[in-house]
PDB file of N, CA and C in Angstrom:
ATOM      1  N   MET A   1       8.451   5.435   5.998  1.00  0.00           N
ATOM      2  CA  MET A   1       7.367   6.161   6.599  1.00  0.00           C
ATOM      3  C   MET A   1       6.213   6.246   5.598  1.00  0.00           C
ATOM      4  N   VAL A   2       5.005   5.989   6.063  1.00  0.00           N
ATOM      5  CA  VAL A   2       3.808   6.055   5.224  1.00  0.00           C
ATOM      6  C   VAL A   2       3.220   7.462   5.300  1.00  0.00           C
ATOM      7  N   LYS A   3       2.838   7.978   4.135  1.00  0.00           N
ATOM      8  CA  LYS A   3       2.225   9.306   4.068  1.00  0.00           C
ATOM      9  C   LYS A   3       0.915   9.219   3.293  1.00  0.00           C
ATOM     10  N   ASN A   4      -0.034  10.046   3.673  1.00  0.00           N
ATOM     11  CA  ASN A   4      -1.302  10.221   2.952  1.00  0.00           C
ATOM     12  C   ASN A   4      -2.039   8.921   2.645  1.00  0.00           C
ATOM     13  N   PRO A   5      -2.257   8.053   3.635  1.00  0.00           N
ATOM     14  CA  PRO A   5      -3.002   6.817   3.335  1.00  0.00           C
ATOM     15  C   PRO A   5      -4.476   7.119   3.080  1.00  0.00           C
ATOM     16  N   SER A   6      -5.030   6.468   2.074  1.00  0.00           N
ATOM     17  CA  SER A   6      -6.455   6.583   1.747  1.00  0.00           C
ATOM     18  C   SER A   6      -6.979   5.204   1.382  1.00  0.00           C
ATOM     19  N   ILE A   7      -8.258   4.990   1.703  1.00  0.00           N
ATOM     20  CA  ILE A   7      -8.913   3.735   1.339  1.00  0.00           C
ATOM     21  C   ILE A   7     -10.207   4.080   0.621  1.00  0.00           C
ATOM     22  N   TYR A   8     -10.381   3.488  -0.544  1.00  0.00           N
ATOM     23  CA  TYR A   8     -11.577   3.704  -1.354  1.00  0.00           C
ATOM     24  C   TYR A   8     -12.345   2.392  -1.444  1.00  0.00           C
ATOM     25  N   VAL A   9     -13.659   2.484  -1.380  1.00  0.00           N
ATOM     26  CA  VAL A   9     -14.510   1.299  -1.448  1.00  0.00           C
ATOM     27  C   VAL A   9     -15.118   1.216  -2.838  1.00  0.00           C
ATOM     28  N   LEU A  10     -14.958   0.043  -3.465  1.00  0.00           N
ATOM     29  CA  LEU A  10     -15.530  -0.233  -4.785  1.00  0.00           C
ATOM     30  C   LEU A  10     -16.369  -1.502  -4.671  1.00  0.00           C
ATOM     31  N   GLY A  11     -17.618  -1.362  -4.251  1.00  0.00           N
ATOM     32  CA  GLY A  11     -18.455  -2.535  -4.030  1.00  0.00           C
ATOM     33  C   GLY A  11     -17.900  -3.357  -2.886  1.00  0.00           C
ATOM     34  N   ASP A  12     -17.540  -4.599  -3.155  1.00  0.00           N
ATOM     35  CA  ASP A  12     -16.949  -5.472  -2.137  1.00  0.00           C
ATOM     36  C   ASP A  12     -15.434  -5.343  -2.083  1.00  0.00           C
ATOM     37  N   GLN A  13     -14.859  -4.560  -2.965  1.00  0.00           N
ATOM     38  CA  GLN A  13     -13.410  -4.417  -3.030  1.00  0.00           C
ATOM     39  C   GLN A  13     -12.976  -3.082  -2.430  1.00  0.00           C
ATOM     40  N   HIS A  14     -11.715  -3.029  -2.033  1.00  0.00           N
ATOM     41  CA  HIS A  14     -11.139  -1.814  -1.471  1.00  0.00           C
ATOM     42  C   HIS A  14      -9.837  -1.495  -2.209  1.00  0.00           C
ATOM     43  N   VAL A  15      -9.570  -0.200  -2.363  1.00  0.00           N
ATOM     44  CA  VAL A  15      -8.308   0.251  -2.925  1.00  0.00           C
ATOM     45  C   VAL A  15      -7.586   1.037  -1.837  1.00  0.00           C
ATOM     46  N   VAL A  16      -6.364   0.645  -1.533  1.00  0.00           N
ATOM     47  CA  VAL A  16      -5.537   1.321  -0.547  1.00  0.00           C
ATOM     48  C   VAL A  16      -4.457   2.082  -1.317  1.00  0.00           C
ATOM     49  N   VAL A  17      -4.387   3.395  -1.081  1.00  0.00           N
ATOM     50  CA  VAL A  17      -3.424   4.257  -1.772  1.00  0.00           C
ATOM     51  C   VAL A  17      -2.599   4.979  -0.711  1.00  0.00           C
ATOM     52  N   PHE A  18      -1.286   4.986  -0.887  1.00  0.00           N
ATOM     53  CA  PHE A  18      -0.422   5.695   0.065  1.00  0.00           C
ATOM     54  C   PHE A  18       0.929   5.974  -0.581  1.00  0.00           C
ATOM     55  N   GLU A  19       1.687   6.838   0.076  1.00  0.00           N
ATOM     56  CA  GLU A  19       3.046   7.150  -0.350  1.00  0.00           C
ATOM     57  C   GLU A  19       4.003   6.624   0.710  1.00  0.00           C
ATOM     58  N   LEU A  20       5.183   6.239   0.274  1.00  0.00           N
ATOM     59  CA  LEU A  20       6.225   5.749   1.171  1.00  0.00           C
ATOM     60  C   LEU A  20       7.483   6.578   1.003  1.00  0.00           C
ATOM     61  N   GLU A  21       8.208   6.726   2.094  1.00  0.00           N
ATOM     62  CA  GLU A  21       9.529   7.339   2.026  1.00  0.00           C
ATOM     63  C   GLU A  21      10.494   6.418   2.742  1.00  0.00           C
ATOM     64  N   MET A  22      11.611   6.119   2.069  1.00  0.00           N
ATOM     65  CA  MET A  22      12.614   5.222   2.639  1.00  0.00           C
ATOM     66  C   MET A  22      13.987   5.676   2.174  1.00  0.00           C
ATOM     67  N   ASP A  23      14.850   5.998   3.101  1.00  0.00           N
ATOM     68  CA  ASP A  23      16.220   6.430   2.782  1.00  0.00           C
ATOM     69  C   ASP A  23      16.236   7.584   1.785  1.00  0.00           C
ATOM     70  N   GLY A  24      15.295   8.509   1.922  1.00  0.00           N
ATOM     71  CA  GLY A  24      15.245   9.670   1.036  1.00  0.00           C
ATOM     72  C   GLY A  24      14.614   9.415  -0.319  1.00  0.00           C
ATOM     73  N   HIS A  25      14.112   8.217  -0.554  1.00  0.00           N
ATOM     74  CA  HIS A  25      13.460   7.876  -1.815  1.00  0.00           C
ATOM     75  C   HIS A  25      11.959   7.733  -1.583  1.00  0.00           C
ATOM     76  N   HIS A  26      11.180   8.093  -2.591  1.00  0.00           N
ATOM     77  CA  HIS A  26       9.728   8.105  -2.470  1.00  0.00           C
ATOM     78  C   HIS A  26       9.094   7.114  -3.450  1.00  0.00           C
ATOM     79  N   ALA A  27       7.951   6.582  -3.047  1.00  0.00           N
ATOM     80  CA  ALA A  27       7.179   5.690  -3.912  1.00  0.00           C
ATOM     81  C   ALA A  27       5.694   5.931  -3.644  1.00  0.00           C
ATOM     82  N   LYS A  28       4.890   5.687  -4.652  1.00  0.00           N
ATOM     83  CA  LYS A  28       3.436   5.746  -4.510  1.00  0.00           C
ATOM     84  C   LYS A  28       2.912   4.342  -4.770  1.00  0.00           C
ATOM     85  N   ALA A  29       2.051   3.859  -3.866  1.00  0.00           N
ATOM     86  CA  ALA A  29       1.543   2.491  -3.971  1.00  0.00           C
ATOM     87  C   ALA A  29       0.022   2.479  -3.984  1.00  0.00           C
ATOM     88  N   GLU A  30      -0.535   1.582  -4.792  1.00  0.00           N
ATOM     89  CA  GLU A  30      -1.975   1.369  -4.856  1.00  0.00           C
ATOM     90  C   GLU A  30      -2.211  -0.140  -4.837  1.00  0.00           C
ATOM     91  N   TYR A  31      -3.034  -0.583  -3.909  1.00  0.00           N
ATOM     92  CA  TYR A  31      -3.338  -2.010  -3.772  1.00  0.00           C
ATOM     93  C   TYR A  31      -4.836  -2.227  -3.868  1.00  0.00           C
ATOM     94  N   LEU A  32      -5.247  -3.237  -4.612  1.00  0.00           N
ATOM     95  CA  LEU A  32      -6.643  -3.623  -4.733  1.00  0.00           C
ATOM     96  C   LEU A  32      -6.868  -4.868  -3.882  1.00  0.00           C
ATOM     97  N   PHE A  33      -7.812  -4.767  -2.940  1.00  0.00           N
ATOM     98  CA  PHE A  33      -8.115  -5.864  -2.028  1.00  0.00           C
ATOM     99  C   PHE A  33      -9.531  -6.369  -2.260  1.00  0.00           C
ATOM    100  N   ASP A  34      -9.724  -7.664  -2.053  1.00  0.00           N
ATOM    101  CA  ASP A  34     -11.049  -8.266  -2.019  1.00  0.00           C
ATOM    102  C   ASP A  34     -11.062  -9.221  -0.840  1.00  0.00           C
ATOM    103  N   GLU A  35     -11.937  -8.965   0.122  1.00  0.00           N
ATOM    104  CA  GLU A  35     -12.027  -9.766   1.339  1.00  0.00           C
ATOM    105  C   GLU A  35     -10.674  -9.879   2.042  1.00  0.00           C
ATOM    106  N   GLY A  36      -9.919  -8.781   2.082  1.00  0.00           N
ATOM    107  CA  GLY A  36      -8.641  -8.749   2.785  1.00  0.00           C
ATOM    108  C   GLY A  36      -7.478  -9.354   2.031  1.00  0.00           C
ATOM    109  N   LYS A  37      -7.695  -9.809   0.803  1.00  0.00           N
ATOM    110  CA  LYS A  37      -6.618 -10.414  -0.001  1.00  0.00           C
ATOM    111  C   LYS A  37      -6.251  -9.478  -1.145  1.00  0.00           C
ATOM    112  N   ILE A  38      -4.970  -9.371  -1.417  1.00  0.00           N
ATOM    113  CA  ILE A  38      -4.493  -8.510  -2.494  1.00  0.00           C
ATOM    114  C   ILE A  38      -4.791  -9.163  -3.842  1.00  0.00           C
ATOM    115  N   LEU A  39      -5.525  -8.437  -4.681  1.00  0.00           N
ATOM    116  CA  LEU A  39      -5.816  -8.907  -6.035  1.00  0.00           C
ATOM    117  C   LEU A  39      -4.810  -8.360  -7.038  1.00  0.00           C
ATOM    118  N   ASP A  40      -4.406  -7.098  -6.827  1.00  0.00           N
ATOM    119  CA  ASP A  40      -3.509  -6.443  -7.776  1.00  0.00           C
ATOM    120  C   ASP A  40      -2.866  -5.250  -7.081  1.00  0.00           C
ATOM    121  N   TYR A  41      -1.745  -4.782  -7.633  1.00  0.00           N
ATOM    122  CA  TYR A  41      -1.111  -3.598  -7.067  1.00  0.00           C
ATOM    123  C   TYR A  41      -0.276  -2.881  -8.114  1.00  0.00           C
ATOM    124  N   THR A  42      -0.026  -1.605  -7.844  1.00  0.00           N
ATOM    125  CA  THR A  42       0.833  -0.779  -8.690  1.00  0.00           C
ATOM    126  C   THR A  42       1.725   0.044  -7.773  1.00  0.00           C
ATOM    127  N   ILE A  43       3.004   0.075  -8.068  1.00  0.00           N
ATOM    128  CA  ILE A  43       3.929   0.890  -7.292  1.00  0.00           C
ATOM    129  C   ILE A  43       4.753   1.726  -8.266  1.00  0.00           C
ATOM    130  N   GLU A  44       4.760   3.021  -8.027  1.00  0.00           N
ATOM    131  CA  GLU A  44       5.543   3.952  -8.844  1.00  0.00           C
ATOM    132  C   GLU A  44       6.777   4.337  -8.042  1.00  0.00           C
ATOM    133  N   PHE A  45       7.969   4.022  -8.581  1.00  0.00           N
ATOM    134  CA  PHE A  45       9.219   4.274  -7.861  1.00  0.00           C
ATOM    135  C   PHE A  45      10.323   4.571  -8.854  1.00  0.00           C
ATOM    136  N   ASN A  46      11.028   5.654  -8.615  1.00  0.00           N
ATOM    137  CA  ASN A  46      12.220   5.987  -9.388  1.00  0.00           C
ATOM    138  C   ASN A  46      13.380   6.042  -8.410  1.00  0.00           C
ATOM    139  N   GLY A  47      14.287   5.107  -8.531  1.00  0.00           N
ATOM    140  CA  GLY A  47      15.417   5.073  -7.618  1.00  0.00           C
ATOM    141  C   GLY A  47      16.285   3.862  -7.898  1.00  0.00           C
ATOM    142  N   PRO A  48      17.291   3.689  -7.067  1.00  0.00           N
ATOM    143  CA  PRO A  48      18.228   2.576  -7.280  1.00  0.00           C
ATOM    144  C   PRO A  48      17.585   1.211  -7.026  1.00  0.00           C
ATOM    145  N   ILE A  49      18.016   0.239  -7.790  1.00  0.00           N
ATOM    146  CA  ILE A  49      17.507  -1.130  -7.677  1.00  0.00           C
ATOM    147  C   ILE A  49      17.765  -1.685  -6.276  1.00  0.00           C
ATOM    148  N   GLU A  50      18.866  -1.302  -5.660  1.00  0.00           N
ATOM    149  CA  GLU A  50      19.218  -1.814  -4.336  1.00  0.00           C
ATOM    150  C   GLU A  50      18.144  -1.481  -3.299  1.00  0.00           C
ATOM    151  N   ILE A  51      17.479  -0.364  -3.452  1.00  0.00           N
ATOM    152  CA  ILE A  51      16.456   0.063  -2.501  1.00  0.00           C
ATOM    153  C   ILE A  51      15.081  -0.454  -2.906  1.00  0.00           C
ATOM    154  N   ARG A  52      14.879  -0.702  -4.188  1.00  0.00           N
ATOM    155  CA  ARG A  52      13.566  -1.084  -4.700  1.00  0.00           C
ATOM    156  C   ARG A  52      12.976  -2.301  -3.999  1.00  0.00           C
ATOM    157  N   ASP A  53      13.732  -3.364  -3.843  1.00  0.00           N
ATOM    158  CA  ASP A  53      13.194  -4.583  -3.225  1.00  0.00           C
ATOM    159  C   ASP A  53      12.755  -4.339  -1.785  1.00  0.00           C
ATOM    160  N   ASN A  54      13.563  -3.604  -1.023  1.00  0.00           N
ATOM    161  CA  ASN A  54      13.186  -3.294   0.358  1.00  0.00           C
ATOM    162  C   ASN A  54      11.937  -2.425   0.396  1.00  0.00           C
ATOM    163  N   LEU A  55      11.851  -1.484  -0.515  1.00  0.00           N
ATOM    164  CA  LEU A  55      10.695  -0.600  -0.567  1.00  0.00           C
ATOM    165  C   LEU A  55       9.437  -1.369  -0.974  1.00  0.00           C
ATOM    166  N   LEU A  56       9.556  -2.289  -1.910  1.00  0.00           N
ATOM    167  CA  LEU A  56       8.417  -3.122  -2.318  1.00  0.00           C
ATOM    168  C   LEU A  56       7.914  -3.969  -1.152  1.00  0.00           C
ATOM    169  N   ASN A  57       8.826  -4.542  -0.400  1.00  0.00           N
ATOM    170  CA  ASN A  57       8.436  -5.344   0.761  1.00  0.00           C
ATOM    171  C   ASN A  57       7.754  -4.482   1.822  1.00  0.00           C
ATOM    172  N   LEU A  58       8.288  -3.298   2.056  1.00  0.00           N
ATOM    173  CA  LEU A  58       7.686  -2.386   3.020  1.00  0.00           C
ATOM    174  C   LEU A  58       6.292  -1.973   2.573  1.00  0.00           C
ATOM    175  N   ALA A  59       6.129  -1.669   1.295  1.00  0.00           N
ATOM    176  CA  ALA A  59       4.821  -1.276   0.766  1.00  0.00           C
ATOM    177  C   ALA A  59       3.803  -2.399   0.946  1.00  0.00           C
ATOM    178  N   PHE A  60       4.195  -3.618   0.677  1.00  0.00           N
ATOM    179  CA  PHE A  60       3.317  -4.780   0.834  1.00  0.00           C
ATOM    180  C   PHE A  60       2.850  -4.911   2.281  1.00  0.00           C
ATOM    181  N   GLU A  61       3.774  -4.812   3.226  1.00  0.00           N
ATOM    182  CA  GLU A  61       3.435  -4.934   4.648  1.00  0.00           C
ATOM    183  C   GLU A  61       2.541  -3.786   5.102  1.00  0.00           C
ATOM    184  N   GLU A  62       2.832  -2.585   4.653  1.00  0.00           N
ATOM    185  CA  GLU A  62       2.029  -1.423   5.048  1.00  0.00           C
ATOM    186  C   GLU A  62       0.615  -1.516   4.479  1.00  0.00           C
ATOM    187  N   ALA A  63       0.475  -1.986   3.267  1.00  0.00           N
ATOM    188  CA  ALA A  63      -0.851  -2.147   2.662  1.00  0.00           C
ATOM    189  C   ALA A  63      -1.680  -3.136   3.466  1.00  0.00           C
ATOM    190  N   LYS A  64      -1.072  -4.243   3.878  1.00  0.00           N
ATOM    191  CA  LYS A  64      -1.788  -5.236   4.678  1.00  0.00           C
ATOM    192  C   LYS A  64      -2.211  -4.653   6.027  1.00  0.00           C
ATOM    193  N   LYS A  65      -1.346  -3.845   6.643  1.00  0.00           N
ATOM    194  CA  LYS A  65      -1.687  -3.203   7.918  1.00  0.00           C
ATOM    195  C   LYS A  65      -2.858  -2.240   7.747  1.00  0.00           C
ATOM    196  N   LEU A  66      -2.801  -1.427   6.706  1.00  0.00           N
ATOM    197  CA  LEU A  66      -3.854  -0.432   6.485  1.00  0.00           C
ATOM    198  C   LEU A  66      -5.209  -1.079   6.241  1.00  0.00           C
ATOM    199  N   ILE A  67      -5.251  -2.119   5.430  1.00  0.00           N
ATOM    200  CA  ILE A  67      -6.540  -2.760   5.153  1.00  0.00           C
ATOM    201  C   ILE A  67      -7.044  -3.493   6.395  1.00  0.00           C
ATOM    202  N   LYS A  68      -6.153  -4.074   7.165  1.00  0.00           N
ATOM    203  CA  LYS A  68      -6.561  -4.760   8.394  1.00  0.00           C
ATOM    204  C   LYS A  68      -7.160  -3.753   9.379  1.00  0.00           C
ATOM    205  N   GLN A  69      -6.543  -2.583   9.516  1.00  0.00           N
ATOM    206  CA  GLN A  69      -7.084  -1.542  10.394  1.00  0.00           C
ATOM    207  C   GLN A  69      -8.461  -1.087   9.914  1.00  0.00           C
ATOM    208  N   HIS A  70      -8.601  -0.924   8.613  1.00  0.00           N
ATOM    209  CA  HIS A  70      -9.874  -0.473   8.053  1.00  0.00           C
ATOM    210  C   HIS A  70     -10.979  -1.490   8.293  1.00  0.00           C
ATOM    211  N   ILE A  71     -10.689  -2.753   8.051  1.00  0.00           N
ATOM    212  CA  ILE A  71     -11.690  -3.800   8.235  1.00  0.00           C
ATOM    213  C   ILE A  71     -12.056  -3.921   9.717  1.00  0.00           C
ATOM    214  N   THR A  72     -11.083  -3.788  10.610  1.00  0.00           N
ATOM    215  CA  THR A  72     -11.338  -3.864  12.041  1.00  0.00           C
ATOM    216  C   THR A  72     -12.217  -2.705  12.491  1.00  0.00           C
ATOM    217  N   LEU A  73     -11.984  -1.505  11.952  1.00  0.00           N
ATOM    218  CA  LEU A  73     -12.786  -0.338  12.331  1.00  0.00           C
ATOM    219  C   LEU A  73     -14.223  -0.440  11.845  1.00  0.00           C
ATOM    220  N   LYS A  74     -14.430  -1.137  10.723  1.00  0.00           N
ATOM    221  CA  LYS A  74     -15.787  -1.277  10.159  1.00  0.00           C
ATOM    222  C   LYS A  74     -16.674  -2.165  11.024  1.00  0.00           C
ATOM    223  N   LYS A  75     -16.080  -3.080  11.777  1.00  0.00           N
ATOM    224  CA  LYS A  75     -16.868  -4.054  12.555  1.00  0.00           C
ATOM    225  C   LYS A  75     -17.470  -3.424  13.781  1.00  0.00           C
TER     226      LYS A  75
END
């Protein structure tokens, strides 16, 4: 589940920040986008390795959804 999504504009770039909850574990994700493409990201997660990969994949997909929604709303 995604919580507290925010999008910040830095010139032509966007930063998407949100929190994730999965199986009782929490993560904070920040993605830097330029023209809809991910340039860089940071994910803060403390939990078992078994959940980490699934959570990373979920964060990646959610970031792409959030930026796509934002770009669509701007048009």
